[in-house]
Amino acid sequence: MTDFLWPRLAEADDTTALEAWLDARGWEIDPTIFMAGTAGPAVQVRRIGTNWQDGEDGLLILPGESVTFDAWRMCVVPKPGAGILCRSF
């Protein structure tokens, strides 16, 4: 699977599934960033093994967004009328 839908109102099982999907692609959830909202948690992801500095941007995935992986970069699937946002560090 190259796409993953981060659901609204995500629960522990959703987080486990996202972690496994990311790990298989060499990415991880950034444990230093946590954002909660009325639609559920947002997660920031980053490539495993990179030298991250505090405050450095990863890829933020909001509730209800899908992400895609094309073998070298992780992207939020654009909604109609929006640009694409990717990270490939």
PDB file of N, CA and C in Angstrom:
ATOM      1  N   MET A   1       0.851  -1.182   0.000  1.00  0.00           N
ATOM      2  CA  MET A   1       0.000   0.000   0.000  1.00  0.00           C
ATOM      3  C   MET A   1       0.893   1.241   0.000  1.00  0.00           C
ATOM      4  N   THR A   2       0.634   2.171  -0.895  1.00  0.00           N
ATOM      5  CA  THR A   2       1.423   3.394  -0.942  1.00  0.00           C
ATOM      6  C   THR A   2       0.672   4.587  -0.359  1.00  0.00           C
ATOM      7  N   ASP A   3      -0.595   4.420  -0.035  1.00  0.00           N
ATOM      8  CA  ASP A   3      -1.390   5.496   0.565  1.00  0.00           C
ATOM      9  C   ASP A   3      -1.872   5.083   1.949  1.00  0.00           C
ATOM     10  N   PHE A   4      -2.028   6.059   2.814  1.00  0.00           N
ATOM     11  CA  PHE A   4      -2.564   5.799   4.156  1.00  0.00           C
ATOM     12  C   PHE A   4      -3.487   6.941   4.521  1.00  0.00           C
ATOM     13  N   LEU A   5      -4.683   6.615   4.967  1.00  0.00           N
ATOM     14  CA  LEU A   5      -5.634   7.622   5.433  1.00  0.00           C
ATOM     15  C   LEU A   5      -5.523   7.741   6.942  1.00  0.00           C
ATOM     16  N   TRP A   6      -5.155   8.931   7.424  1.00  0.00           N
ATOM     17  CA  TRP A   6      -5.122   9.219   8.860  1.00  0.00           C
ATOM     18  C   TRP A   6      -6.530   9.693   9.219  1.00  0.00           C
ATOM     19  N   PRO A   7      -7.304   8.841   9.902  1.00  0.00           N
ATOM     20  CA  PRO A   7      -8.727   9.162  10.082  1.00  0.00           C
ATOM     21  C   PRO A   7      -8.989  10.281  11.087  1.00  0.00           C
ATOM     22  N   ARG A   8     -10.140  10.876  10.936  1.00  0.00           N
ATOM     23  CA  ARG A   8     -10.619  11.798  11.968  1.00  0.00           C
ATOM     24  C   ARG A   8     -10.889  10.964  13.218  1.00  0.00           C
ATOM     25  N   LEU A   9     -10.685  11.549  14.365  1.00  0.00           N
ATOM     26  CA  LEU A   9     -10.905  10.884  15.660  1.00  0.00           C
ATOM     27  C   LEU A   9     -10.110   9.585  15.771  1.00  0.00           C
ATOM     28  N   ALA A  10      -8.861   9.622  15.309  1.00  0.00           N
ATOM     29  CA  ALA A  10      -7.992   8.439  15.353  1.00  0.00           C
ATOM     30  C   ALA A  10      -7.830   7.941  16.788  1.00  0.00           C
ATOM     31  N   GLU A  11      -7.755   6.617  16.901  1.00  0.00           N
ATOM     32  CA  GLU A  11      -7.584   5.964  18.203  1.00  0.00           C
ATOM     33  C   GLU A  11      -6.269   5.203  18.222  1.00  0.00           C
ATOM     34  N   ALA A  12      -6.004   4.494  19.301  1.00  0.00           N
ATOM     35  CA  ALA A  12      -4.732   3.784  19.472  1.00  0.00           C
ATOM     36  C   ALA A  12      -4.465   2.797  18.336  1.00  0.00           C
ATOM     37  N   ASP A  13      -5.484   2.072  17.885  1.00  0.00           N
ATOM     38  CA  ASP A  13      -5.290   1.110  16.791  1.00  0.00           C
ATOM     39  C   ASP A  13      -4.878   1.825  15.500  1.00  0.00           C
ATOM     40  N   ASP A  14      -5.421   3.023  15.274  1.00  0.00           N
ATOM     41  CA  ASP A  14      -5.057   3.798  14.086  1.00  0.00           C
ATOM     42  C   ASP A  14      -3.597   4.236  14.166  1.00  0.00           C
ATOM     43  N   THR A  15      -3.166   4.639  15.356  1.00  0.00           N
ATOM     44  CA  THR A  15      -1.773   5.048  15.553  1.00  0.00           C
ATOM     45  C   THR A  15      -0.843   3.867  15.309  1.00  0.00           C
ATOM     46  N   THR A  16      -1.199   2.700  15.826  1.00  0.00           N
ATOM     47  CA  THR A  16      -0.389   1.498  15.619  1.00  0.00           C
ATOM     48  C   THR A  16      -0.282   1.168  14.137  1.00  0.00           C
ATOM     49  N   ALA A  17      -1.386   1.272  13.418  1.00  0.00           N
ATOM     50  CA  ALA A  17      -1.381   0.990  11.978  1.00  0.00           C
ATOM     51  C   ALA A  17      -0.513   2.009  11.229  1.00  0.00           C
ATOM     52  N   LEU A  18      -0.613   3.286  11.586  1.00  0.00           N
ATOM     53  CA  LEU A  18       0.205   4.309  10.939  1.00  0.00           C
ATOM     54  C   LEU A  18       1.680   4.075  11.236  1.00  0.00           C
ATOM     55  N   GLU A  19       2.018   3.766  12.480  1.00  0.00           N
ATOM     56  CA  GLU A  19       3.417   3.507  12.841  1.00  0.00           C
ATOM     57  C   GLU A  19       3.988   2.353  12.020  1.00  0.00           C
ATOM     58  N   ALA A  20       3.226   1.277  11.858  1.00  0.00           N
ATOM     59  CA  ALA A  20       3.694   0.120  11.082  1.00  0.00           C
ATOM     60  C   ALA A  20       3.859   0.491   9.609  1.00  0.00           C
ATOM     61  N   TRP A  21       2.903   1.245   9.060  1.00  0.00           N
ATOM     62  CA  TRP A  21       2.967   1.671   7.665  1.00  0.00           C
ATOM     63  C   TRP A  21       4.185   2.559   7.434  1.00  0.00           C
ATOM     64  N   LEU A  22       4.411   3.517   8.326  1.00  0.00           N
ATOM     65  CA  LEU A  22       5.565   4.407   8.214  1.00  0.00           C
ATOM     66  C   LEU A  22       6.873   3.636   8.347  1.00  0.00           C
ATOM     67  N   ASP A  23       6.960   2.755   9.348  1.00  0.00           N
ATOM     68  CA  ASP A  23       8.182   1.993   9.611  1.00  0.00           C
ATOM     69  C   ASP A  23       8.591   1.175   8.384  1.00  0.00           C
ATOM     70  N   ALA A  24       7.620   0.591   7.703  1.00  0.00           N
ATOM     71  CA  ALA A  24       7.919  -0.202   6.506  1.00  0.00           C
ATOM     72  C   ALA A  24       8.502   0.651   5.381  1.00  0.00           C
ATOM     73  N   ARG A  25       8.357   1.965   5.486  1.00  0.00           N
ATOM     74  CA  ARG A  25       8.845   2.894   4.473  1.00  0.00           C
ATOM     75  C   ARG A  25      10.019   3.745   4.970  1.00  0.00           C
ATOM     76  N   GLY A  26      10.499   3.453   6.189  1.00  0.00           N
ATOM     77  CA  GLY A  26      11.648   4.178   6.730  1.00  0.00           C
ATOM     78  C   GLY A  26      11.308   5.515   7.362  1.00  0.00           C
ATOM     79  N   TRP A  27      10.073   5.682   7.808  1.00  0.00           N
ATOM     80  CA  TRP A  27       9.615   6.916   8.447  1.00  0.00           C
ATOM     81  C   TRP A  27       9.063   6.586   9.826  1.00  0.00           C
ATOM     82  N   GLU A  28       8.866   7.626  10.653  1.00  0.00           N
ATOM     83  CA  GLU A  28       8.327   7.444  11.997  1.00  0.00           C
ATOM     84  C   GLU A  28       7.514   8.663  12.405  1.00  0.00           C
ATOM     85  N   ILE A  29       6.674   8.476  13.417  1.00  0.00           N
ATOM     86  CA  ILE A  29       5.968   9.605  14.021  1.00  0.00           C
ATOM     87  C   ILE A  29       6.963  10.342  14.901  1.00  0.00           C
ATOM     88  N   ASP A  30       7.012  11.654  14.780  1.00  0.00           N
ATOM     89  CA  ASP A  30       7.896  12.477  15.602  1.00  0.00           C
ATOM     90  C   ASP A  30       7.332  12.492  17.023  1.00  0.00           C
ATOM     91  N   PRO A  31       8.028  11.870  17.980  1.00  0.00           N
ATOM     92  CA  PRO A  31       7.495  11.786  19.340  1.00  0.00           C
ATOM     93  C   PRO A  31       7.518  13.106  20.112  1.00  0.00           C
ATOM     94  N   THR A  32       8.176  14.121  19.566  1.00  0.00           N
ATOM     95  CA  THR A  32       8.261  15.403  20.275  1.00  0.00           C
ATOM     96  C   THR A  32       7.113  16.340  19.935  1.00  0.00           C
ATOM     97  N   ILE A  33       6.277  15.962  18.966  1.00  0.00           N
ATOM     98  CA  ILE A  33       5.166  16.811  18.528  1.00  0.00           C
ATOM     99  C   ILE A  33       3.848  16.099  18.809  1.00  0.00           C
ATOM    100  N   PHE A  34       2.949  16.753  19.522  1.00  0.00           N
ATOM    101  CA  PHE A  34       1.606  16.214  19.734  1.00  0.00           C
ATOM    102  C   PHE A  34       0.614  17.358  19.614  1.00  0.00           C
ATOM    103  N   MET A  35      -0.371  17.165  18.782  1.00  0.00           N
ATOM    104  CA  MET A  35      -1.416  18.174  18.610  1.00  0.00           C
ATOM    105  C   MET A  35      -2.764  17.481  18.647  1.00  0.00           C
ATOM    106  N   ALA A  36      -3.635  17.962  19.511  1.00  0.00           N
ATOM    107  CA  ALA A  36      -4.976  17.392  19.613  1.00  0.00           C
ATOM    108  C   ALA A  36      -5.988  18.459  19.242  1.00  0.00           C
ATOM    109  N   GLY A  37      -7.041  18.045  18.597  1.00  0.00           N
ATOM    110  CA  GLY A  37      -8.103  18.967  18.213  1.00  0.00           C
ATOM    111  C   GLY A  37      -9.442  18.267  18.262  1.00  0.00           C
ATOM    112  N   THR A  38     -10.474  18.973  17.931  1.00  0.00           N
ATOM    113  CA  THR A  38     -11.820  18.397  18.000  1.00  0.00           C
ATOM    114  C   THR A  38     -12.021  17.298  16.967  1.00  0.00           C
ATOM    115  N   ALA A  39     -11.237  17.295  15.869  1.00  0.00           N
ATOM    116  CA  ALA A  39     -11.343  16.256  14.849  1.00  0.00           C
ATOM    117  C   ALA A  39     -10.392  15.092  15.125  1.00  0.00           C
ATOM    118  N   GLY A  40      -9.625  15.186  16.219  1.00  0.00           N
ATOM    119  CA  GLY A  40      -8.680  14.133  16.563  1.00  0.00           C
ATOM    120  C   GLY A  40      -7.258  14.644  16.500  1.00  0.00           C
ATOM    121  N   PRO A  41      -6.289  13.754  16.759  1.00  0.00           N
ATOM    122  CA  PRO A  41      -4.898  14.180  16.800  1.00  0.00           C
ATOM    123  C   PRO A  41      -4.295  14.389  15.409  1.00  0.00           C
ATOM    124  N   ALA A  42      -3.387  15.336  15.326  1.00  0.00           N
ATOM    125  CA  ALA A  42      -2.540  15.505  14.151  1.00  0.00           C
ATOM    126  C   ALA A  42      -1.188  14.904  14.506  1.00  0.00           C
ATOM    127  N   VAL A  43      -0.493  14.370  13.509  1.00  0.00           N
ATOM    128  CA  VAL A  43       0.826  13.787  13.751  1.00  0.00           C
ATOM    129  C   VAL A  43       1.841  14.404  12.800  1.00  0.00           C
ATOM    130  N   GLN A  44       3.056  14.525  13.281  1.00  0.00           N
ATOM    131  CA  GLN A  44       4.156  14.948  12.419  1.00  0.00           C
ATOM    132  C   GLN A  44       5.029  13.731  12.195  1.00  0.00           C
ATOM    133  N   VAL A  45       5.413  13.499  10.946  1.00  0.00           N
ATOM    134  CA  VAL A  45       6.244  12.344  10.619  1.00  0.00           C
ATOM    135  C   VAL A  45       7.580  12.813  10.071  1.00  0.00           C
ATOM    136  N   ARG A  46       8.573  11.940  10.193  1.00  0.00           N
ATOM    137  CA  ARG A  46       9.924  12.247   9.736  1.00  0.00           C
ATOM    138  C   ARG A  46      10.613  10.951   9.323  1.00  0.00           C
ATOM    139  N   ARG A  47      11.656  11.080   8.525  1.00  0.00           N
ATOM    140  CA  ARG A  47      12.419   9.911   8.102  1.00  0.00           C
ATOM    141  C   ARG A  47      13.218   9.378   9.292  1.00  0.00           C
ATOM    142  N   ILE A  48      13.262   8.070   9.450  1.00  0.00           N
ATOM    143  CA  ILE A  48      14.015   7.433  10.531  1.00  0.00           C
ATOM    144  C   ILE A  48      15.507   7.639  10.282  1.00  0.00           C
ATOM    145  N   GLY A  49      16.236   7.947  11.354  1.00  0.00           N
ATOM    146  CA  GLY A  49      17.685   8.023  11.290  1.00  0.00           C
ATOM    147  C   GLY A  49      18.255   9.349  10.850  1.00  0.00           C
ATOM    148  N   THR A  50      17.402  10.328  10.567  1.00  0.00           N
ATOM    149  CA  THR A  50      17.936  11.634  10.201  1.00  0.00           C
ATOM    150  C   THR A  50      18.276  12.405  11.467  1.00  0.00           C
ATOM    151  N   ASN A  51      19.180  13.337  11.368  1.00  0.00           N
ATOM    152  CA  ASN A  51      19.562  14.161  12.520  1.00  0.00           C
ATOM    153  C   ASN A  51      18.603  15.322  12.641  1.00  0.00           C
ATOM    154  N   TRP A  52      17.630  15.162  13.503  1.00  0.00           N
ATOM    155  CA  TRP A  52      16.611  16.186  13.676  1.00  0.00           C
ATOM    156  C   TRP A  52      17.026  17.160  14.756  1.00  0.00           C
ATOM    157  N   GLN A  53      16.759  18.409  14.512  1.00  0.00           N
ATOM    158  CA  GLN A  53      16.989  19.461  15.489  1.00  0.00           C
ATOM    159  C   GLN A  53      15.643  19.893  16.048  1.00  0.00           C
ATOM    160  N   ASP A  54      15.602  20.352  17.288  1.00  0.00           N
ATOM    161  CA  ASP A  54      14.358  20.854  17.865  1.00  0.00           C
ATOM    162  C   ASP A  54      13.776  21.929  16.966  1.00  0.00           C
ATOM    163  N   GLY A  55      12.482  21.808  16.699  1.00  0.00           N
ATOM    164  CA  GLY A  55      11.795  22.801  15.899  1.00  0.00           C
ATOM    165  C   GLY A  55      11.891  22.583  14.397  1.00  0.00           C
ATOM    166  N   GLU A  56      12.646  21.586  13.961  1.00  0.00           N
ATOM    167  CA  GLU A  56      12.778  21.323  12.527  1.00  0.00           C
ATOM    168  C   GLU A  56      11.481  20.719  11.997  1.00  0.00           C
ATOM    169  N   ASP A  57      11.063  21.163  10.829  1.00  0.00           N
ATOM    170  CA  ASP A  57       9.803  20.701  10.249  1.00  0.00           C
ATOM    171  C   ASP A  57       9.884  19.263   9.777  1.00  0.00           C
ATOM    172  N   GLY A  58       8.839  18.512  10.065  1.00  0.00           N
ATOM    173  CA  GLY A  58       8.604  17.221   9.457  1.00  0.00           C
ATOM    174  C   GLY A  58       7.425  17.414   8.523  1.00  0.00           C
ATOM    175  N   LEU A  59       6.652  16.378   8.321  1.00  0.00           N
ATOM    176  CA  LEU A  59       5.442  16.475   7.514  1.00  0.00           C
ATOM    177  C   LEU A  59       4.265  16.323   8.460  1.00  0.00           C
ATOM    178  N   LEU A  60       3.434  17.339   8.559  1.00  0.00           N
ATOM    179  CA  LEU A  60       2.286  17.330   9.454  1.00  0.00           C
ATOM    180  C   LEU A  60       1.091  16.711   8.746  1.00  0.00           C
ATOM    181  N   ILE A  61       0.490  15.708   9.381  1.00  0.00           N
ATOM    182  CA  ILE A  61      -0.694  15.040   8.839  1.00  0.00           C
ATOM    183  C   ILE A  61      -1.868  15.374   9.749  1.00  0.00           C
ATOM    184  N   LEU A  62      -2.854  16.054   9.198  1.00  0.00           N
ATOM    185  CA  LEU A  62      -4.039  16.454   9.958  1.00  0.00           C
ATOM    186  C   LEU A  62      -5.101  15.367   9.901  1.00  0.00           C
ATOM    187  N   PRO A  63      -6.035  15.364  10.865  1.00  0.00           N
ATOM    188  CA  PRO A  63      -7.111  14.373  10.847  1.00  0.00           C
ATOM    189  C   PRO A  63      -7.878  14.412   9.521  1.00  0.00           C
ATOM    190  N   GLY A  64      -8.118  13.234   8.956  1.00  0.00           N
ATOM    191  CA  GLY A  64      -8.862  13.124   7.705  1.00  0.00           C
ATOM    192  C   GLY A  64      -8.012  13.256   6.459  1.00  0.00           C
ATOM    193  N   GLU A  65      -6.697  13.470   6.610  1.00  0.00           N
ATOM    194  CA  GLU A  65      -5.829  13.578   5.441  1.00  0.00           C
ATOM    195  C   GLU A  65      -5.233  12.223   5.079  1.00  0.00           C
ATOM    196  N   SER A  66      -4.967  12.055   3.800  1.00  0.00           N
ATOM    197  CA  SER A  66      -4.263  10.879   3.305  1.00  0.00           C
ATOM    198  C   SER A  66      -2.839  11.272   2.963  1.00  0.00           C
ATOM    199  N   VAL A  67      -1.932  10.334   3.153  1.00  0.00           N
ATOM    200  CA  VAL A  67      -0.548  10.538   2.743  1.00  0.00           C
ATOM    201  C   VAL A  67      -0.184   9.457   1.743  1.00  0.00           C
ATOM    202  N   THR A  68       0.789   9.774   0.905  1.00  0.00           N
ATOM    203  CA  THR A  68       1.255   8.818  -0.091  1.00  0.00           C
ATOM    204  C   THR A  68       2.776   8.780  -0.053  1.00  0.00           C
ATOM    205  N   PHE A  69       3.335   7.640  -0.429  1.00  0.00           N
ATOM    206  CA  PHE A  69       4.779   7.454  -0.438  1.00  0.00           C
ATOM    207  C   PHE A  69       5.175   6.938  -1.808  1.00  0.00           C
ATOM    208  N   ASP A  70       6.159   7.589  -2.442  1.00  0.00           N
ATOM    209  CA  ASP A  70       6.557   7.192  -3.802  1.00  0.00           C
ATOM    210  C   ASP A  70       7.982   6.638  -3.863  1.00  0.00           C
ATOM    211  N   ALA A  71       8.432   6.017  -2.816  1.00  0.00           N
ATOM    212  CA  ALA A  71       9.749   5.382  -2.692  1.00  0.00           C
ATOM    213  C   ALA A  71      10.840   6.330  -2.217  1.00  0.00           C
ATOM    214  N   TRP A  72      10.637   7.637  -2.244  1.00  0.00           N
ATOM    215  CA  TRP A  72      11.658   8.541  -1.712  1.00  0.00           C
ATOM    216  C   TRP A  72      11.082   9.736  -0.991  1.00  0.00           C
ATOM    217  N   ARG A  73       9.795  10.001  -1.130  1.00  0.00           N
ATOM    218  CA  ARG A  73       9.213  11.128  -0.395  1.00  0.00           C
ATOM    219  C   ARG A  73       7.814  10.795   0.081  1.00  0.00           C
ATOM    220  N   MET A  74       7.455  11.422   1.173  1.00  0.00           N
ATOM    221  CA  MET A  74       6.137  11.294   1.782  1.00  0.00           C
ATOM    222  C   MET A  74       5.386  12.580   1.471  1.00  0.00           C
ATOM    223  N   CYS A  75       4.139  12.457   0.987  1.00  0.00           N
ATOM    224  CA  CYS A  75       3.343  13.626   0.599  1.00  0.00           C
ATOM    225  C   CYS A  75       1.937  13.534   1.166  1.00  0.00           C
ATOM    226  N   VAL A  76       1.385  14.685   1.531  1.00  0.00           N
ATOM    227  CA  VAL A  76      -0.030  14.759   1.855  1.00  0.00           C
ATOM    228  C   VAL A  76      -0.765  14.815   0.522  1.00  0.00           C
ATOM    229  N   VAL A  77      -1.765  13.949   0.351  1.00  0.00           N
ATOM    230  CA  VAL A  77      -2.537  13.926  -0.887  1.00  0.00           C
ATOM    231  C   VAL A  77      -3.318  15.234  -0.968  1.00  0.00           C
ATOM    232  N   PRO A  78      -3.132  15.974  -2.064  1.00  0.00           N
ATOM    233  CA  PRO A  78      -3.786  17.278  -2.148  1.00  0.00           C
ATOM    234  C   PRO A  78      -5.297  17.171  -2.281  1.00  0.00           C
ATOM    235  N   LYS A  79      -5.966  18.127  -1.676  1.00  0.00           N
ATOM    236  CA  LYS A  79      -7.406  18.248  -1.840  1.00  0.00           C
ATOM    237  C   LYS A  79      -7.635  19.134  -3.071  1.00  0.00           C
ATOM    238  N   PRO A  80      -8.789  19.045  -3.702  1.00  0.00           N
ATOM    239  CA  PRO A  80      -9.045  19.878  -4.881  1.00  0.00           C
ATOM    240  C   PRO A  80      -8.770  21.353  -4.582  1.00  0.00           C
ATOM    241  N   GLY A  81      -8.009  21.992  -5.451  1.00  0.00           N
ATOM    242  CA  GLY A  81      -7.705  23.404  -5.305  1.00  0.00           C
ATOM    243  C   GLY A  81      -6.522  23.706  -4.402  1.00  0.00           C
ATOM    244  N   ALA A  82      -5.875  22.671  -3.868  1.00  0.00           N
ATOM    245  CA  ALA A  82      -4.740  22.874  -2.960  1.00  0.00           C
ATOM    246  C   ALA A  82      -3.475  22.316  -3.599  1.00  0.00           C
ATOM    247  N   GLY A  83      -2.345  22.848  -3.196  1.00  0.00           N
ATOM    248  CA  GLY A  83      -1.062  22.353  -3.681  1.00  0.00           C
ATOM    249  C   GLY A  83      -0.642  21.102  -2.927  1.00  0.00           C
ATOM    250  N   ILE A  84       0.394  20.454  -3.415  1.00  0.00           N
ATOM    251  CA  ILE A  84       0.908  19.251  -2.768  1.00  0.00           C
ATOM    252  C   ILE A  84       2.009  19.635  -1.782  1.00  0.00           C
ATOM    253  N   LEU A  85       2.071  18.953  -0.660  1.00  0.00           N
ATOM    254  CA  LEU A  85       3.086  19.189   0.357  1.00  0.00           C
ATOM    255  C   LEU A  85       3.836  17.895   0.583  1.00  0.00           C
ATOM    256  N   CYS A  86       5.153  17.922   0.387  1.00  0.00           N
ATOM    257  CA  CYS A  86       5.978  16.722   0.510  1.00  0.00           C
ATOM    258  C   CYS A  86       7.202  16.979   1.368  1.00  0.00           C
ATOM    259  N   ARG A  87       7.768  15.900   1.911  1.00  0.00           N
ATOM    260  CA  ARG A  87       9.046  15.928   2.595  1.00  0.00           C
ATOM    261  C   ARG A  87       9.831  14.712   2.109  1.00  0.00           C
ATOM    262  N   SER A  88      11.124  14.915   1.892  1.00  0.00           N
ATOM    263  CA  SER A  88      11.945  13.800   1.411  1.00  0.00           C
ATOM    264  C   SER A  88      13.283  13.722   2.113  1.00  0.00           C
ATOM    265  N   PHE A  89      13.417  14.355   3.284  1.00  0.00           N
ATOM    266  CA  PHE A  89      14.709  14.379   3.954  1.00  0.00           C
ATOM    267  C   PHE A  89      15.141  13.011   4.345  1.00  0.00           C
TER     268      PHE A  89
END
